[in-house]
Amino acid sequence: MVSQAGAVLLMETVRKTGLDQAISAALAPWRKPRAVHDPGKILLDVAMAVALGGDCLADVAMLRCEPAVFGPVASDPTVSRLIDTLAASGEKALRAVRSARSEVRHRAWSLAGENAPDADGQVTVDLDGVLVIAHSDKQDAAATWKKT
């Protein structure tokens, strides 16, 4: 549980900014009539799993193990079907997600006032490159520029 302690802060940030409600509203058109799981919550669960170090859709299982923290988490097949559905919708789904994110970002930065990242009219993005090692037994594969 210690490795997932930061997730509580992230979950509270999602709730306080209203990202959960905005994503749910934006993805409402993709919710099936008798669906148990909300598409917005499923997408946020995938994002949370990635934030916790996951690298595939099935990594939402680590959230499923802590229902008191993360609530009900969809099964792997349900997550996969939603991603397939959103991918098939293409630009329409992307616009919906981007719109929700934009709305929430505006709300959060408005609440931050002079402490908002864009308060002086510009945003500084600090990128930190991390080398991720991936192994592949490809025939005649050459080493990368960093010799990995």
N, C-alpha and C. Protein backbone atom coordinates (compact mmCIF):
# COMPACT_ATOMS: atom_id res chain seq x y z
N MET A 1 0.82 -1.20 0.00
CA MET A 1 0.00 0.00 0.00
C MET A 1 0.86 1.25 0.00
N VAL A 2 2.04 1.19 0.55
CA VAL A 2 2.90 2.36 0.60
C VAL A 2 3.24 2.84 -0.80
N SER A 3 3.44 1.93 -1.73
CA SER A 3 3.78 2.32 -3.09
C SER A 3 2.63 3.05 -3.78
N GLN A 4 1.41 2.91 -3.26
CA GLN A 4 0.25 3.58 -3.86
C GLN A 4 -0.24 4.76 -3.02
N ALA A 5 0.55 5.16 -2.02
CA ALA A 5 0.13 6.23 -1.12
C ALA A 5 -0.10 7.53 -1.88
N GLY A 6 0.71 7.84 -2.88
CA GLY A 6 0.56 9.06 -3.65
C GLY A 6 -0.74 9.10 -4.45
N ALA A 7 -1.32 7.94 -4.66
CA ALA A 7 -2.56 7.87 -5.43
C ALA A 7 -3.71 8.53 -4.70
N VAL A 8 -3.67 8.53 -3.38
CA VAL A 8 -4.74 9.16 -2.61
C VAL A 8 -4.76 10.66 -2.89
N LEU A 9 -3.60 11.29 -2.92
CA LEU A 9 -3.52 12.71 -3.24
C LEU A 9 -4.01 12.96 -4.66
N LEU A 10 -3.61 12.10 -5.57
CA LEU A 10 -4.05 12.24 -6.95
C LEU A 10 -5.57 12.08 -7.08
N MET A 11 -6.13 11.10 -6.36
CA MET A 11 -7.58 10.88 -6.39
C MET A 11 -8.32 12.09 -5.82
N GLU A 12 -7.81 12.65 -4.73
CA GLU A 12 -8.46 13.82 -4.14
C GLU A 12 -8.36 15.03 -5.07
N THR A 13 -7.26 15.16 -5.78
CA THR A 13 -7.12 16.25 -6.75
C THR A 13 -8.15 16.10 -7.86
N VAL A 14 -8.35 14.88 -8.33
CA VAL A 14 -9.36 14.61 -9.36
C VAL A 14 -10.73 15.01 -8.85
N ARG A 15 -11.04 14.65 -7.62
CA ARG A 15 -12.36 14.96 -7.05
C ARG A 15 -12.54 16.46 -6.81
N LYS A 16 -11.54 17.10 -6.22
CA LYS A 16 -11.64 18.52 -5.87
C LYS A 16 -11.74 19.41 -7.11
N THR A 17 -11.05 19.04 -8.17
CA THR A 17 -11.10 19.85 -9.39
C THR A 17 -12.33 19.56 -10.22
N GLY A 18 -13.00 18.44 -9.93
CA GLY A 18 -14.19 18.07 -10.69
C GLY A 18 -13.88 17.33 -11.97
N LEU A 19 -12.63 16.85 -12.10
CA LEU A 19 -12.26 16.12 -13.31
C LEU A 19 -13.10 14.86 -13.47
N ASP A 20 -13.42 14.20 -12.36
CA ASP A 20 -14.22 12.98 -12.45
C ASP A 20 -15.60 13.27 -13.05
N GLN A 21 -16.24 14.33 -12.61
CA GLN A 21 -17.56 14.68 -13.13
C GLN A 21 -17.49 15.18 -14.58
N ALA A 22 -16.45 15.96 -14.89
CA ALA A 22 -16.31 16.50 -16.25
C ALA A 22 -16.06 15.39 -17.27
N ILE A 23 -15.19 14.44 -16.92
CA ILE A 23 -14.89 13.32 -17.83
C ILE A 23 -16.13 12.44 -17.98
N SER A 24 -16.84 12.20 -16.88
CA SER A 24 -18.05 11.39 -16.96
C SER A 24 -19.09 12.03 -17.85
N ALA A 25 -19.27 13.34 -17.72
CA ALA A 25 -20.23 14.05 -18.57
C ALA A 25 -19.80 14.03 -20.03
N ALA A 26 -18.50 14.21 -20.27
CA ALA A 26 -17.99 14.24 -21.65
C ALA A 26 -18.13 12.88 -22.34
N LEU A 27 -17.97 11.81 -21.56
CA LEU A 27 -18.03 10.46 -22.15
C LEU A 27 -19.40 9.81 -22.01
N ALA A 28 -20.39 10.56 -21.55
CA ALA A 28 -21.74 10.01 -21.40
C ALA A 28 -22.29 9.42 -22.70
N PRO A 29 -22.01 10.01 -23.87
CA PRO A 29 -22.52 9.40 -25.11
C PRO A 29 -22.00 7.98 -25.37
N TRP A 30 -20.91 7.60 -24.74
CA TRP A 30 -20.34 6.27 -24.95
C TRP A 30 -20.79 5.28 -23.88
N ARG A 31 -21.64 5.71 -22.97
CA ARG A 31 -22.13 4.80 -21.94
C ARG A 31 -23.30 4.01 -22.49
N LYS A 32 -23.21 2.70 -22.36
CA LYS A 32 -24.28 1.83 -22.83
C LYS A 32 -25.46 1.92 -21.86
N PRO A 33 -26.69 1.72 -22.34
CA PRO A 33 -27.88 1.91 -21.51
C PRO A 33 -27.89 1.20 -20.16
N ARG A 34 -27.44 -0.04 -20.10
CA ARG A 34 -27.48 -0.77 -18.84
C ARG A 34 -26.09 -1.00 -18.26
N ALA A 35 -25.17 -0.13 -18.58
CA ALA A 35 -23.79 -0.29 -18.11
C ALA A 35 -23.69 -0.09 -16.60
N VAL A 36 -22.85 -0.87 -15.98
CA VAL A 36 -22.60 -0.75 -14.55
C VAL A 36 -21.53 0.30 -14.29
N HIS A 37 -20.51 0.32 -15.14
CA HIS A 37 -19.37 1.21 -14.95
C HIS A 37 -19.45 2.42 -15.87
N ASP A 38 -19.13 3.58 -15.30
CA ASP A 38 -19.11 4.84 -16.02
C ASP A 38 -17.85 4.93 -16.88
N PRO A 39 -17.97 5.26 -18.17
CA PRO A 39 -16.79 5.37 -19.03
C PRO A 39 -15.75 6.38 -18.52
N GLY A 40 -16.21 7.48 -17.93
CA GLY A 40 -15.29 8.46 -17.38
C GLY A 40 -14.46 7.89 -16.24
N LYS A 41 -15.12 7.15 -15.36
CA LYS A 41 -14.41 6.52 -14.24
C LYS A 41 -13.42 5.48 -14.74
N ILE A 42 -13.81 4.73 -15.76
CA ILE A 42 -12.91 3.72 -16.32
C ILE A 42 -11.67 4.39 -16.88
N LEU A 43 -11.86 5.47 -17.63
CA LEU A 43 -10.71 6.17 -18.22
C LEU A 43 -9.82 6.76 -17.13
N LEU A 44 -10.42 7.30 -16.09
CA LEU A 44 -9.63 7.83 -14.97
C LEU A 44 -8.88 6.70 -14.25
N ASP A 45 -9.49 5.53 -14.15
CA ASP A 45 -8.81 4.39 -13.54
C ASP A 45 -7.58 3.98 -14.37
N VAL A 46 -7.71 4.01 -15.68
CA VAL A 46 -6.56 3.69 -16.54
C VAL A 46 -5.46 4.73 -16.32
N ALA A 47 -5.84 6.01 -16.27
CA ALA A 47 -4.86 7.06 -16.04
C ALA A 47 -4.19 6.89 -14.68
N MET A 48 -4.97 6.53 -13.67
CA MET A 48 -4.42 6.32 -12.33
C MET A 48 -3.44 5.15 -12.34
N ALA A 49 -3.79 4.08 -13.03
CA ALA A 49 -2.90 2.91 -13.12
C ALA A 49 -1.58 3.30 -13.78
N VAL A 50 -1.64 4.12 -14.82
CA VAL A 50 -0.43 4.59 -15.49
C VAL A 50 0.39 5.45 -14.53
N ALA A 51 -0.28 6.35 -13.80
CA ALA A 51 0.41 7.20 -12.83
C ALA A 51 1.11 6.39 -11.75
N LEU A 52 0.56 5.22 -11.44
CA LEU A 52 1.16 4.36 -10.42
C LEU A 52 2.21 3.42 -10.99
N GLY A 53 2.51 3.57 -12.27
CA GLY A 53 3.57 2.75 -12.88
C GLY A 53 3.08 1.67 -13.81
N GLY A 54 1.79 1.58 -14.03
CA GLY A 54 1.27 0.57 -14.94
C GLY A 54 1.65 0.87 -16.38
N ASP A 55 1.68 -0.17 -17.19
CA ASP A 55 2.02 0.04 -18.59
C ASP A 55 1.09 -0.71 -19.55
N CYS A 56 -0.01 -1.23 -19.02
CA CYS A 56 -1.00 -1.86 -19.88
C CYS A 56 -2.37 -1.74 -19.22
N LEU A 57 -3.42 -1.96 -20.00
CA LEU A 57 -4.78 -1.80 -19.48
C LEU A 57 -5.05 -2.71 -18.29
N ALA A 58 -4.49 -3.89 -18.30
CA ALA A 58 -4.74 -4.85 -17.22
C ALA A 58 -4.17 -4.38 -15.88
N ASP A 59 -3.34 -3.35 -15.88
CA ASP A 59 -2.77 -2.86 -14.63
C ASP A 59 -3.79 -2.13 -13.76
N VAL A 60 -5.02 -1.95 -14.25
CA VAL A 60 -6.07 -1.41 -13.38
C VAL A 60 -6.37 -2.40 -12.25
N ALA A 61 -5.87 -3.61 -12.36
CA ALA A 61 -6.08 -4.62 -11.31
C ALA A 61 -5.51 -4.15 -9.98
N MET A 62 -4.43 -3.35 -10.02
CA MET A 62 -3.86 -2.88 -8.75
C MET A 62 -4.83 -1.93 -8.04
N LEU A 63 -5.71 -1.26 -8.80
CA LEU A 63 -6.72 -0.41 -8.19
C LEU A 63 -7.87 -1.25 -7.64
N ARG A 64 -8.17 -2.30 -8.34
CA ARG A 64 -9.27 -3.19 -7.95
C ARG A 64 -9.01 -3.81 -6.57
N CYS A 65 -7.74 -3.93 -6.20
CA CYS A 65 -7.37 -4.53 -4.92
C CYS A 65 -7.64 -3.60 -3.74
N GLU A 66 -7.91 -2.33 -4.00
CA GLU A 66 -8.15 -1.35 -2.94
C GLU A 66 -9.46 -0.62 -3.15
N PRO A 67 -10.59 -1.32 -3.05
CA PRO A 67 -11.89 -0.68 -3.32
C PRO A 67 -12.22 0.47 -2.37
N ALA A 68 -11.67 0.45 -1.16
CA ALA A 68 -11.94 1.54 -0.22
C ALA A 68 -11.31 2.85 -0.69
N VAL A 69 -10.23 2.75 -1.45
CA VAL A 69 -9.54 3.94 -1.95
C VAL A 69 -10.05 4.33 -3.32
N PHE A 70 -10.17 3.36 -4.22
CA PHE A 70 -10.46 3.65 -5.62
C PHE A 70 -11.90 3.39 -6.04
N GLY A 71 -12.69 2.83 -5.16
CA GLY A 71 -14.07 2.52 -5.51
C GLY A 71 -14.13 1.31 -6.43
N PRO A 72 -15.31 1.06 -7.02
CA PRO A 72 -15.43 -0.08 -7.92
C PRO A 72 -14.63 0.16 -9.21
N VAL A 73 -13.88 -0.84 -9.61
CA VAL A 73 -13.04 -0.75 -10.81
C VAL A 73 -13.52 -1.81 -11.79
N ALA A 74 -13.70 -1.40 -13.03
CA ALA A 74 -14.20 -2.30 -14.08
C ALA A 74 -13.24 -3.47 -14.32
N SER A 75 -13.81 -4.55 -14.84
CA SER A 75 -12.99 -5.72 -15.18
C SER A 75 -12.11 -5.40 -16.38
N ASP A 76 -11.08 -6.21 -16.57
CA ASP A 76 -10.18 -6.00 -17.71
C ASP A 76 -10.91 -6.01 -19.05
N PRO A 77 -11.83 -6.96 -19.29
CA PRO A 77 -12.55 -6.94 -20.57
C PRO A 77 -13.39 -5.67 -20.76
N THR A 78 -13.99 -5.17 -19.67
CA THR A 78 -14.79 -3.94 -19.77
C THR A 78 -13.91 -2.76 -20.13
N VAL A 79 -12.74 -2.68 -19.50
CA VAL A 79 -11.80 -1.60 -19.80
C VAL A 79 -11.37 -1.68 -21.26
N SER A 80 -11.04 -2.87 -21.70
CA SER A 80 -10.59 -3.07 -23.08
C SER A 80 -11.67 -2.70 -24.09
N ARG A 81 -12.90 -3.09 -23.81
CA ARG A 81 -14.01 -2.75 -24.72
C ARG A 81 -14.21 -1.25 -24.81
N LEU A 82 -14.10 -0.54 -23.67
CA LEU A 82 -14.26 0.91 -23.70
C LEU A 82 -13.16 1.56 -24.55
N ILE A 83 -11.94 1.13 -24.36
CA ILE A 83 -10.83 1.70 -25.12
C ILE A 83 -11.03 1.44 -26.61
N ASP A 84 -11.47 0.25 -26.96
CA ASP A 84 -11.77 -0.07 -28.37
C ASP A 84 -12.87 0.84 -28.91
N THR A 85 -13.91 1.06 -28.12
CA THR A 85 -15.03 1.91 -28.53
C THR A 85 -14.58 3.35 -28.72
N LEU A 86 -13.80 3.86 -27.77
CA LEU A 86 -13.31 5.24 -27.89
C LEU A 86 -12.36 5.39 -29.07
N ALA A 87 -11.52 4.39 -29.28
CA ALA A 87 -10.59 4.43 -30.42
C ALA A 87 -11.36 4.42 -31.73
N ALA A 88 -12.44 3.66 -31.80
CA ALA A 88 -13.25 3.60 -33.03
C ALA A 88 -13.94 4.94 -33.28
N SER A 89 -14.21 5.68 -32.22
CA SER A 89 -14.85 6.99 -32.37
C SER A 89 -13.86 8.06 -32.80
N GLY A 90 -12.60 7.79 -32.66
CA GLY A 90 -11.55 8.67 -33.14
C GLY A 90 -11.59 10.08 -32.58
N GLU A 91 -11.62 11.03 -33.49
CA GLU A 91 -11.52 12.44 -33.14
C GLU A 91 -12.65 12.91 -32.23
N LYS A 92 -13.83 12.33 -32.38
CA LYS A 92 -14.97 12.72 -31.54
C LYS A 92 -14.68 12.44 -30.06
N ALA A 93 -14.13 11.28 -29.76
CA ALA A 93 -13.79 10.92 -28.38
C ALA A 93 -12.65 11.80 -27.86
N LEU A 94 -11.66 12.04 -28.71
CA LEU A 94 -10.55 12.91 -28.30
C LEU A 94 -11.04 14.31 -27.97
N ARG A 95 -11.93 14.85 -28.80
CA ARG A 95 -12.47 16.19 -28.53
C ARG A 95 -13.22 16.22 -27.20
N ALA A 96 -13.97 15.17 -26.91
CA ALA A 96 -14.72 15.10 -25.65
C ALA A 96 -13.78 15.12 -24.45
N VAL A 97 -12.73 14.32 -24.50
CA VAL A 97 -11.77 14.26 -23.39
C VAL A 97 -11.01 15.57 -23.27
N ARG A 98 -10.58 16.11 -24.39
CA ARG A 98 -9.84 17.39 -24.36
C ARG A 98 -10.70 18.52 -23.82
N SER A 99 -11.96 18.52 -24.17
CA SER A 99 -12.88 19.55 -23.69
C SER A 99 -13.03 19.47 -22.17
N ALA A 100 -13.20 18.27 -21.65
CA ALA A 100 -13.32 18.09 -20.20
C ALA A 100 -12.05 18.52 -19.49
N ARG A 101 -10.91 18.14 -20.02
CA ARG A 101 -9.63 18.52 -19.41
C ARG A 101 -9.47 20.03 -19.42
N SER A 102 -9.82 20.66 -20.52
CA SER A 102 -9.70 22.11 -20.64
C SER A 102 -10.59 22.83 -19.62
N GLU A 103 -11.81 22.35 -19.50
CA GLU A 103 -12.76 22.93 -18.53
C GLU A 103 -12.21 22.84 -17.11
N VAL A 104 -11.69 21.69 -16.75
CA VAL A 104 -11.18 21.47 -15.40
C VAL A 104 -9.90 22.27 -15.17
N ARG A 105 -9.03 22.31 -16.17
CA ARG A 105 -7.79 23.09 -16.05
C ARG A 105 -8.12 24.56 -15.80
N HIS A 106 -9.09 25.09 -16.56
CA HIS A 106 -9.50 26.48 -16.39
C HIS A 106 -10.03 26.70 -14.97
N ARG A 107 -10.84 25.78 -14.49
CA ARG A 107 -11.40 25.89 -13.14
C ARG A 107 -10.30 25.86 -12.08
N ALA A 108 -9.36 24.93 -12.22
CA ALA A 108 -8.27 24.80 -11.23
C ALA A 108 -7.38 26.04 -11.24
N TRP A 109 -7.05 26.54 -12.44
CA TRP A 109 -6.19 27.70 -12.51
C TRP A 109 -6.91 28.96 -12.03
N SER A 110 -8.21 29.03 -12.21
CA SER A 110 -8.98 30.16 -11.68
C SER A 110 -8.96 30.15 -10.15
N LEU A 111 -9.11 28.98 -9.57
CA LEU A 111 -9.06 28.85 -8.12
C LEU A 111 -7.67 29.20 -7.57
N ALA A 112 -6.64 28.91 -8.33
CA ALA A 112 -5.27 29.17 -7.87
C ALA A 112 -4.93 30.66 -7.92
N GLY A 113 -5.68 31.42 -8.70
CA GLY A 113 -5.44 32.86 -8.77
C GLY A 113 -4.04 33.21 -9.23
N GLU A 114 -3.34 34.02 -8.43
CA GLU A 114 -2.00 34.46 -8.83
C GLU A 114 -0.96 33.34 -8.72
N ASN A 115 -1.34 32.21 -8.13
CA ASN A 115 -0.43 31.06 -8.04
C ASN A 115 -0.60 30.09 -9.19
N ALA A 116 -1.50 30.41 -10.12
CA ALA A 116 -1.74 29.53 -11.26
C ALA A 116 -0.51 29.51 -12.17
N PRO A 117 -0.27 28.39 -12.83
CA PRO A 117 0.89 28.28 -13.73
C PRO A 117 0.90 29.32 -14.85
N ASP A 118 -0.27 29.81 -15.25
CA ASP A 118 -0.32 30.77 -16.36
C ASP A 118 -0.59 32.20 -15.88
N ALA A 119 -0.35 32.48 -14.60
CA ALA A 119 -0.70 33.78 -14.04
C ALA A 119 0.04 34.94 -14.71
N ASP A 120 1.27 34.73 -15.12
CA ASP A 120 2.01 35.82 -15.75
C ASP A 120 1.94 35.78 -17.28
N GLY A 121 1.01 34.99 -17.80
CA GLY A 121 0.81 34.94 -19.25
C GLY A 121 1.62 33.90 -19.98
N GLN A 122 2.42 33.14 -19.28
CA GLN A 122 3.18 32.07 -19.93
C GLN A 122 3.24 30.86 -19.03
N VAL A 123 3.46 29.71 -19.63
CA VAL A 123 3.54 28.46 -18.90
C VAL A 123 4.91 27.85 -19.17
N THR A 124 5.60 27.45 -18.11
CA THR A 124 6.89 26.79 -18.25
C THR A 124 6.67 25.31 -18.07
N VAL A 125 7.12 24.53 -19.03
CA VAL A 125 7.00 23.08 -18.96
C VAL A 125 8.40 22.52 -18.72
N ASP A 126 8.57 21.82 -17.62
CA ASP A 126 9.85 21.22 -17.26
C ASP A 126 9.78 19.73 -17.57
N LEU A 127 10.50 19.30 -18.59
CA LEU A 127 10.48 17.90 -18.99
C LEU A 127 11.70 17.18 -18.46
N ASP A 128 11.50 15.97 -18.01
CA ASP A 128 12.59 15.15 -17.51
C ASP A 128 12.57 13.85 -18.29
N GLY A 129 13.57 13.64 -19.12
CA GLY A 129 13.63 12.42 -19.93
C GLY A 129 14.10 11.25 -19.10
N VAL A 130 13.39 10.16 -19.18
CA VAL A 130 13.75 8.95 -18.46
C VAL A 130 13.89 7.82 -19.47
N LEU A 131 15.00 7.14 -19.41
CA LEU A 131 15.24 6.02 -20.31
C LEU A 131 14.53 4.79 -19.77
N VAL A 132 13.64 4.23 -20.57
CA VAL A 132 12.91 3.03 -20.18
C VAL A 132 13.49 1.86 -20.97
N ILE A 133 13.97 0.87 -20.27
CA ILE A 133 14.59 -0.28 -20.91
C ILE A 133 13.50 -1.28 -21.31
N ALA A 134 13.50 -1.66 -22.56
CA ALA A 134 12.57 -2.68 -23.05
C ALA A 134 13.40 -3.71 -23.81
N HIS A 135 13.17 -4.97 -23.53
CA HIS A 135 13.96 -6.04 -24.15
C HIS A 135 13.19 -6.65 -25.31
N SER A 136 13.89 -6.90 -26.39
CA SER A 136 13.29 -7.55 -27.53
C SER A 136 14.35 -8.40 -28.22
N ASP A 137 14.04 -9.65 -28.47
CA ASP A 137 14.97 -10.54 -29.15
C ASP A 137 14.76 -10.49 -30.65
N LYS A 138 15.01 -9.36 -31.24
CA LYS A 138 14.84 -9.23 -32.69
C LYS A 138 16.14 -9.61 -33.39
N GLN A 139 16.00 -10.31 -34.47
CA GLN A 139 17.16 -10.75 -35.22
C GLN A 139 17.88 -9.55 -35.82
N ASP A 140 19.17 -9.49 -35.66
CA ASP A 140 20.02 -8.43 -36.19
C ASP A 140 19.68 -7.05 -35.64
N ALA A 141 19.10 -6.97 -34.45
CA ALA A 141 18.76 -5.68 -33.86
C ALA A 141 20.03 -5.01 -33.36
N ALA A 142 20.18 -3.75 -33.67
CA ALA A 142 21.35 -3.00 -33.24
C ALA A 142 21.04 -2.29 -31.92
N ALA A 143 22.09 -1.99 -31.18
CA ALA A 143 21.90 -1.27 -29.93
C ALA A 143 21.41 0.15 -30.23
N THR A 144 20.70 0.74 -29.27
CA THR A 144 20.22 2.11 -29.45
C THR A 144 21.37 3.08 -29.30
N TRP A 145 21.09 4.36 -29.49
CA TRP A 145 22.11 5.40 -29.38
C TRP A 145 22.72 5.37 -27.98
N LYS A 146 21.93 5.04 -26.97
CA LYS A 146 22.44 5.00 -25.59
C LYS A 146 22.97 3.62 -25.24
N LYS A 147 23.20 2.79 -26.23
CA LYS A 147 23.83 1.47 -26.07
C LYS A 147 22.97 0.48 -25.30
N THR A 148 21.65 0.63 -25.35
CA THR A 148 20.76 -0.30 -24.65
C THR A 148 20.09 -1.22 -25.65
